Every structure is written in structure tokens, then in C-alpha cells.
C-alpha atoms as a PDB file:
ATOM      1  CA  MET A   1     -46.372  29.348  16.727  1.00  0.00           C
ATOM      2  CA  SER A   2     -46.616  28.378  12.788  1.00  0.00           C
ATOM      3  CA  LYS A   3     -43.416  29.802  12.008  1.00  0.00           C
ATOM      4  CA  CYS A   4     -41.979  27.970  14.447  1.00  0.00           C
ATOM      5  CA  ILE A   5     -43.505  24.796  12.880  1.00  0.00           C
ATOM      6  CA  THR A   6     -42.329  25.714   9.784  1.00  0.00           C
ATOM      7  CA  ASP A   7     -38.866  26.688  10.979  1.00  0.00           C
ATOM      8  CA  TYR A   8     -38.141  23.343  12.541  1.00  0.00           C
ATOM      9  CA  ALA A   9     -39.359  21.327   9.511  1.00  0.00           C
ATOM     10  CA  GLN A  10     -36.858  23.188   7.105  1.00  0.00           C
ATOM     11  CA  ALA A  11     -34.191  22.571   9.805  1.00  0.00           C
ATOM     12  CA  THR A  12     -34.988  19.234  10.044  1.00  0.00           C
ATOM     13  CA  ALA A  13     -35.152  19.001   6.099  1.00  0.00           C
ATOM     14  CA  ASP A  14     -31.740  20.786   5.785  1.00  0.00           C
ATOM     15  CA  LEU A  15     -30.631  18.609   8.726  1.00  0.00           C
ATOM     16  CA  ALA A  16     -31.440  15.337   6.412  1.00  0.00           C
ATOM     17  CA  ALA A  17     -29.812  16.870   3.464  1.00  0.00           C
ATOM     18  CA  MET A  18     -26.926  17.292   5.145  1.00  0.00           C
ATOM     19  CA  THR A  19     -26.445  13.957   6.715  1.00  0.00           C
ATOM     20  CA  ALA A  20     -26.888  12.433   3.401  1.00  0.00           C
ATOM     21  CA  ARG A  21     -24.129  14.589   1.594  1.00  0.00           C
ATOM     22  CA  LYS A  22     -22.000  13.611   4.638  1.00  0.00           C
ATOM     23  CA  ASP A  23     -23.037   9.701   4.438  1.00  0.00           C
ATOM     24  CA  ALA A  24     -22.498  10.369   0.187  1.00  0.00           C
ATOM     25  CA  ALA A  25     -18.293  11.859   1.032  1.00  0.00           C
ATOM     26  CA  TYR A  26     -17.970   8.398   3.451  1.00  0.00           C
ATOM     27  CA  LEU A  27     -18.815   6.582   1.238  1.00  0.00           C
ATOM     28  CA  GLU A  28     -17.149   7.843  -1.389  1.00  0.00           C
ATOM     29  CA  ARG A  29     -13.258   8.029   0.431  1.00  0.00           C
ATOM     30  CA  ASN A  30     -13.993   4.767   1.489  1.00  0.00           C
ATOM     31  CA  CYS A  31     -14.276   3.572  -1.796  1.00  0.00           C
ATOM     32  CA  CYS A  32     -10.911   4.874  -2.561  1.00  0.00           C
ATOM     33  CA  VAL A  33      -9.571   3.316   0.974  1.00  0.00           C
ATOM     34  CA  ALA A  34     -10.317  -0.172  -0.066  1.00  0.00           C
ATOM     35  CA  LEU A  35      -9.213   0.265  -3.415  1.00  0.00           C
ATOM     36  CA  ILE A  36      -5.413   1.596  -1.756  1.00  0.00           C
ATOM     37  CA  ALA A  37      -5.808  -0.772   0.957  1.00  0.00           C
ATOM     38  CA  ARG A  38      -6.333  -3.862  -2.305  1.00  0.00           C
ATOM     39  CA  MET A  39      -3.551  -2.439  -4.414  1.00  0.00           C
ATOM     40  CA  ALA A  40      -1.720  -1.906  -1.282  1.00  0.00           C
ATOM     41  CA  LEU A  41      -1.683  -5.707  -1.047  1.00  0.00           C
ATOM     42  CA  ALA A  42      -1.260  -6.285  -4.097  1.00  0.00           C
ATOM     43  CA  MET A  43       1.904  -4.501  -4.199  1.00  0.00           C
ATOM     44  CA  GLY A  44       3.233  -6.625  -1.034  1.00  0.00           C
ATOM     45  CA  TRP A  45       2.823  -4.194   1.556  1.00  0.00           C
ATOM     46  CA  THR A  46       0.899  -5.072   4.890  1.00  0.00           C
ATOM     47  CA  ALA A  47      -2.859  -4.085   4.721  1.00  0.00           C
ATOM     48  CA  GLY A  48      -5.759  -5.022   6.911  1.00  0.00           C
ATOM     49  CA  THR A  49      -8.631  -4.030   8.871  1.00  0.00           C
ATOM     50  CA  ALA A  50      -9.046  -3.900  12.713  1.00  0.00           C
ATOM     51  CA  ARG A  51     -11.467  -2.898  15.536  1.00  0.00           C
ATOM     52  CA  THR A  52      -9.514   0.537  17.244  1.00  0.00           C
ATOM     53  CA  ALA A  53     -10.979   2.420  19.913  1.00  0.00           C
ATOM     54  CA  ILE A  54     -11.264   5.942  19.980  1.00  0.00           C
ATOM     55  CA  GLU A  55     -11.977   7.532  23.063  1.00  0.00           C
ATOM     56  CA  GLY A  56     -15.342   9.623  22.492  1.00  0.00           C
ATOM     57  CA  TRP A  57     -16.450   7.764  19.352  1.00  0.00           C
ATOM     58  CA  SER A  58     -19.268   5.716  19.489  1.00  0.00           C
ATOM     59  CA  GLU A  59     -18.664   1.790  19.266  1.00  0.00           C
ATOM     60  CA  ASP A  60     -19.595   1.625  15.497  1.00  0.00           C
ATOM     61  CA  TRP A  61     -16.989   3.858  13.878  1.00  0.00           C
ATOM     62  CA  HIS A  62     -14.043   1.125  15.676  1.00  0.00           C
ATOM     63  CA  GLY A  63     -13.557  -0.642  12.533  1.00  0.00           C
ATOM     64  CA  CYS A  64     -10.486   0.666  10.724  1.00  0.00           C
ATOM     65  CA  VAL A  65      -8.486   0.093   7.803  1.00  0.00           C
ATOM     66  CA  TYR A  66      -4.554   0.321   8.656  1.00  0.00           C
ATOM     67  CA  ILE A  67      -2.095  -0.060   5.326  1.00  0.00           C
ATOM     68  CA  ASP A  68       1.721   0.105   6.170  1.00  0.00           C
ATOM     69  CA  LEU A  69       3.301   2.119   3.342  1.00  0.00           C
ATOM     70  CA  PRO A  70       6.967   2.724   2.651  1.00  0.00           C
ATOM     71  CA  THR A  71       6.728   5.832   4.376  1.00  0.00           C
ATOM     72  CA  GLY A  72       4.906   4.948   7.496  1.00  0.00           C
ATOM     73  CA  GLN A  73       1.384   4.007   8.968  1.00  0.00           C
ATOM     74  CA  ALA A  74      -1.912   4.922   7.460  1.00  0.00           C
ATOM     75  CA  SER A  75      -5.328   4.148   8.502  1.00  0.00           C
ATOM     76  CA  TRP A  76      -8.711   5.331   8.130  1.00  0.00           C
ATOM     77  CA  HIS A  77     -12.124   4.496  10.571  1.00  0.00           C
ATOM     78  CA  TYR A  78     -14.947   3.782   9.014  1.00  0.00           C
ATOM     79  CA  HIS A  79     -18.988   3.263   9.837  1.00  0.00           C
ATOM     80  CA  ASP A  80     -20.089  -0.518  10.901  1.00  0.00           C
ATOM     81  CA  SER A  81     -22.788   0.200   7.545  1.00  0.00           C
ATOM     82  CA  GLN A  82     -19.847   0.048   5.383  1.00  0.00           C
ATOM     83  CA  ALA A  83     -17.557  -2.930   6.271  1.00  0.00           C
ATOM     84  CA  HIS A  84     -19.022  -4.669   3.345  1.00  0.00           C
ATOM     85  CA  LEU A  85     -16.322  -2.307   1.525  1.00  0.00           C
ATOM     86  CA  PHE A  86     -13.449  -4.233   3.340  1.00  0.00           C
ATOM     87  CA  SER A  87     -14.858  -7.585   4.044  1.00  0.00           C
ATOM     88  CA  ASP A  88     -12.141  -9.325   2.227  1.00  0.00           C
ATOM     89  CA  LEU A  89      -9.160  -7.703   3.528  1.00  0.00           C
ATOM     90  CA  PRO A  90      -7.115  -9.284   5.850  1.00  0.00           C
ATOM     91  CA  ALA A  91      -7.152  -8.710   9.879  1.00  0.00           C
ATOM     92  CA  TYR A  92      -4.442  -6.064  10.572  1.00  0.00           C
ATOM     93  CA  THR A  93      -2.116  -7.492  13.364  1.00  0.00           C
ATOM     94  CA  GLY A  94      -0.105  -4.534  13.718  1.00  0.00           C
ATOM     95  CA  ALA A  95      -0.937  -1.448  16.687  1.00  0.00           C
ATOM     96  CA  TRP A  96      -1.959   2.166  15.445  1.00  0.00           C
ATOM     97  CA  ASP A  97       1.734   3.909  15.839  1.00  0.00           C
ATOM     98  CA  GLY A  98       0.067   7.518  17.069  1.00  0.00           C
ATOM     99  CA  HIS A  99      -0.105   9.216  14.049  1.00  0.00           C
ATOM    100  CA  ASP A 100      -2.421  11.908  13.447  1.00  0.00           C
ATOM    101  CA  THR A 101      -4.440  12.940  10.488  1.00  0.00           C
ATOM    102  CA  PRO A 102      -1.617  15.466   9.285  1.00  0.00           C
ATOM    103  CA  GLU A 103       0.942  12.933   9.502  1.00  0.00           C
ATOM    104  CA  LYS A 104      -1.057  10.231   7.966  1.00  0.00           C
ATOM    105  CA  TYR A 105      -1.346  12.651   4.555  1.00  0.00           C
ATOM    106  CA  ARG A 106       2.490  13.536   4.682  1.00  0.00           C
ATOM    107  CA  ARG A 107       3.047   9.995   4.754  1.00  0.00           C
ATOM    108  CA  VAL A 108       0.454   9.393   1.476  1.00  0.00           C
ATOM    109  CA  ALA A 109       2.111  12.171  -0.497  1.00  0.00           C
ATOM    110  CA  MET A 110       5.578  10.997   0.111  1.00  0.00           C
ATOM    111  CA  ALA A 111       4.679   7.509  -0.679  1.00  0.00           C
ATOM    112  CA  PHE A 112       4.616   8.427  -4.354  1.00  0.00           C
ATOM    113  CA  GLU A 113       6.670  11.245  -4.597  1.00  0.00           C
ATOM    114  CA  GLY A 114       7.708  12.543  -7.856  1.00  0.00           C
ATOM    115  CA  GLY A 115       5.234  10.122  -9.315  1.00  0.00           C
ATOM    116  CA  ARG A 116       8.126   6.925  -8.651  1.00  0.00           C
ATOM    117  CA  PRO A 117       7.114   4.689  -5.777  1.00  0.00           C
ATOM    118  CA  SER A 118       9.188   5.689  -3.158  1.00  0.00           C
ATOM    119  CA  PHE A 119       9.425   1.579  -2.036  1.00  0.00           C
ATOM    120  CA  LEU A 120      12.062   1.460  -5.163  1.00  0.00           C
ATOM    121  CA  VAL A 121      13.985   4.379  -3.792  1.00  0.00           C
ATOM    122  CA  ASN A 122      13.943   3.201  -0.286  1.00  0.00           C
ATOM    123  CA  GLN A 123      15.255  -0.628  -1.747  1.00  0.00           C
ATOM    124  CA  LEU A 124      17.673   1.650  -3.736  1.00  0.00           C
ATOM    125  CA  GLN A 125      18.822   3.420  -0.675  1.00  0.00           C
ATOM    126  CA  ARG A 126      19.724   0.410   1.024  1.00  0.00           C
ATOM    127  CA  LEU A 127      21.717  -1.231  -1.470  1.00  0.00           C
ATOM    128  CA  GLU A 128      23.633   2.057  -2.117  1.00  0.00           C
ATOM    129  CA  MET A 129      24.406   1.296   1.393  1.00  0.00           C
ATOM    130  CA  GLN A 130      25.741  -2.012   0.070  1.00  0.00           C
ATOM    131  CA  ALA A 131      27.264  -1.419  -3.343  1.00  0.00           C
ATOM    132  CA  GLY A 132      29.089   1.584  -2.650  1.00  0.00           C
ATOM    133  CA  ASP A 133      29.853   3.628  -6.248  1.00  0.00           C
ATOM    134  CA  VAL A 134      27.712   0.620  -8.110  1.00  0.00           C
ATOM    135  CA  ALA A 135      24.611   1.623  -6.612  1.00  0.00           C
ATOM    136  CA  VAL A 136      24.961   5.582  -8.110  1.00  0.00           C
ATOM    137  CA  LEU A 137      24.616   4.302 -11.382  1.00  0.00           C
ATOM    138  CA  GLN A 138      21.118   2.378 -10.120  1.00  0.00           C
ATOM    139  CA  CYS A 139      20.156   5.610  -9.025  1.00  0.00           C
ATOM    140  CA  ASP A 140      21.043   7.630 -12.369  1.00  0.00           C
ATOM    141  CA  ARG A 141      18.793   4.622 -14.048  1.00  0.00           C
ATOM    142  CA  LEU A 142      16.026   4.833 -11.571  1.00  0.00           C
ATOM    143  CA  LEU A 143      15.730   8.803 -12.026  1.00  0.00           C
ATOM    144  CA  THR A 144      15.486   8.347 -15.584  1.00  0.00           C
ATOM    145  CA  GLY A 145      12.860   6.169 -15.663  1.00  0.00           C
ATOM    146  CA  ASP A 146      15.242   2.999 -16.788  1.00  0.00           C
ATOM    147  CA  GLN A 147      13.995   0.926 -13.724  1.00  0.00           C
ATOM    148  CA  ARG A 148      14.545  -2.515 -16.257  1.00  0.00           C
ATOM    149  CA  ARG A 149      17.993  -1.786 -16.657  1.00  0.00           C
ATOM    150  CA  MET A 150      18.566  -1.007 -13.098  1.00  0.00           C
ATOM    151  CA  LEU A 151      16.726  -4.156 -11.767  1.00  0.00           C
ATOM    152  CA  LYS A 152      18.489  -5.987 -14.370  1.00  0.00           C
ATOM    153  CA  ASP A 153      21.920  -4.470 -13.219  1.00  0.00           C
ATOM    154  CA  VAL A 154      21.293  -4.979  -9.566  1.00  0.00           C
ATOM    155  CA  ALA A 155      20.317  -8.238 -10.352  1.00  0.00           C
ATOM    156  CA  THR A 156      23.758  -9.548 -11.943  1.00  0.00           C
ATOM    157  CA  LEU A 157      25.554  -8.015  -8.706  1.00  0.00           C
ATOM    158  CA  ALA A 158      27.421  -9.792  -5.876  1.00  0.00           C
ATOM    159  CA  PHE A 159      24.338  -9.322  -3.230  1.00  0.00           C
ATOM    160  CA  GLY A 160      23.214 -12.258  -1.168  1.00  0.00           C
ATOM    161  CA  PRO A 161      19.896 -14.230  -2.461  1.00  0.00           C
ATOM    162  CA  ASP A 162      18.154 -11.801   0.078  1.00  0.00           C
ATOM    163  CA  VAL A 163      18.671  -9.038  -1.599  1.00  0.00           C
ATOM    164  CA  LYS A 164      18.671 -10.803  -5.336  1.00  0.00           C
ATOM    165  CA  ALA A 165      15.347 -11.855  -4.356  1.00  0.00           C
ATOM    166  CA  MET A 166      13.829  -8.709  -3.284  1.00  0.00           C
ATOM    167  CA  VAL A 167      14.659  -6.656  -6.528  1.00  0.00           C
ATOM    168  CA  LEU A 168      13.914  -9.669  -8.178  1.00  0.00           C
ATOM    169  CA  ASP A 169      10.177  -9.526  -6.675  1.00  0.00           C
ATOM    170  CA  ALA A 170      10.193  -5.885  -7.128  1.00  0.00           C
ATOM    171  CA  GLY A 171      10.594  -5.924 -10.741  1.00  0.00           C
ATOM    172  CA  LEU A 172       8.020  -8.517 -11.519  1.00  0.00           C
ATOM    173  CA  ARG A 173       5.544  -6.613  -8.774  1.00  0.00           C
ATOM    174  CA  LEU A 174       6.236  -3.463 -11.260  1.00  0.00           C
ATOM    175  CA  GLY A 175       6.276  -5.537 -14.407  1.00  0.00           C
ATOM    176  CA  VAL A 176       9.498  -4.455 -15.522  1.00  0.00           C
ATOM    177  CA  VAL A 177      11.598  -7.626 -15.543  1.00  0.00           C
ATOM    178  CA  THR A 178      10.539 -10.782 -16.685  1.00  0.00           C
ATOM    179  CA  PRO A 179      10.538 -14.155 -14.326  1.00  0.00           C
ATOM    180  CA  PRO A 180      13.864 -15.954 -14.847  1.00  0.00           C
ATOM    181  CA  PRO A 181      13.644 -19.347 -17.294  1.00  0.00           C
ATOM    182  CA  VAL A 182      13.336 -22.296 -15.257  1.00  0.00           C
ATOM    183  CA  ALA A 183      16.367 -25.008 -16.024  1.00  0.00           C
ATOM    184  CA  ALA A 184      15.250 -27.659 -18.001  1.00  0.00           C
ATOM    185  CA  GLN A 185      15.900 -30.964 -15.692  1.00  0.00           C
ATOM    186  CA  PRO A 186      18.037 -33.754 -17.512  1.00  0.00           C
ATOM    187  CA  THR A 187      16.267 -37.393 -18.611  1.00  0.00           C
ATOM    188  CA  GLY A 188      17.401 -40.191 -19.630  1.00  0.00           C
ATOM    189  CA  THR A 189      20.329 -42.284 -17.559  1.00  0.00           C
ATOM    190  CA  PRO A 190      23.061 -40.815 -16.711  1.00  0.00           C
ATOM    191  CA  ALA A 191      26.758 -40.975 -18.361  1.00  0.00           C
ATOM    192  CA  SER A 192      27.871 -42.928 -14.860  1.00  0.00           C
ATOM    193  CA  GLU A 193      25.376 -45.337 -15.015  1.00  0.00           C
ATOM    194  CA  ALA A 194      25.220 -46.188 -18.693  1.00  0.00           C
ATOM    195  CA  GLY A 195      26.198 -49.569 -19.577  1.00  0.00           C
END
């Protein structure tokens, strides 16, 4: 009988230690997810939290962070005890797109493939369809790391204002272009009104 009590006590202690390690791993992961979500928002991407039920999961695990990467949606569930890590994130208004864990991490890996944000490559592909041969030069510049020159060149092309604004915004977020100067407003009386 004494052996059973000792074994039970040891099993209980082992379970408590394993639970503590699991909880610490989730806390560390969720700190990283919170950082990734804030970085995504800073880059102009959509990210936020929602309650998403999963069959078989208890309600205290329905909290979920969603991030819309350029390569697709990624999401992570968290326990209510760690909701404070995400309390300042906006509400996510989209819906889960059905991705599974392997697909999520494929999207994450592709988002910064080759060390470059793939959203720049995606935007460049859109420009290529609009600008033909000129965009090939832009691809070459992006691949050689000359993002500043690429964005300046693109901003001078004859695109519509929406594309120019998109390129300028991307450049400003990356810190590779400076905001355009604000035109000075004329002062004084216009010549046509002078006496």
C-alpha cells in the first residue's frame, strides 16, 4: 500500500511539473503571437481577436488571434487566462478561412520568403501587370535590395492615384522613402485683385 501512495504522489508531482512546462510554453508562444499581431498592424495588415469555437475544446480556449498575412490568414487560439496579452488588439471581423496548422505555418514561412516581405513582391506583381517591361526593372531592383530606387521609380510612372498612394504607403512603412514635401500655400493678395 505504501508503494501505491508513493507512486501516486510521484505521478501527481510529475503531472504538475509537466503542466507548468506546458503553461510556460503557451505563455511564451502567446507573447510571440501578440508581438507578431502588433507588427502586422504596424505594417498595415489586418489583425485582431475573436471568439472562435472549436468542437471538443472548452470555452476558455475560444479566444483567437487572427492575422491576415499577404500569403493568407493565420490564427492562434489562446486560453482566457492569457487574454490580457491581446487586450489592446482590435476585434477581428473576418471569419476563419478553414486553414489547418500545417497550412498556417506554410503561410507564415512564405510571408517573408527570402528575407523580403512578400507583400512587396505581391504589390510588384500587380504593378508588372500594369506596366509591362518597366516593372521588370522594378523586380530587378527589389531583388538586388534597391527598394528605395524601385519605389521612387514606380512613383514617377503614369499609374492612377490609387497605385501611387499604395506604393508611397508601402515605402513609408518600410522607411525606404520620405514623405513628399507639402506645397507652400501662396500668401498675400492675388495679382488679379491688386489695385
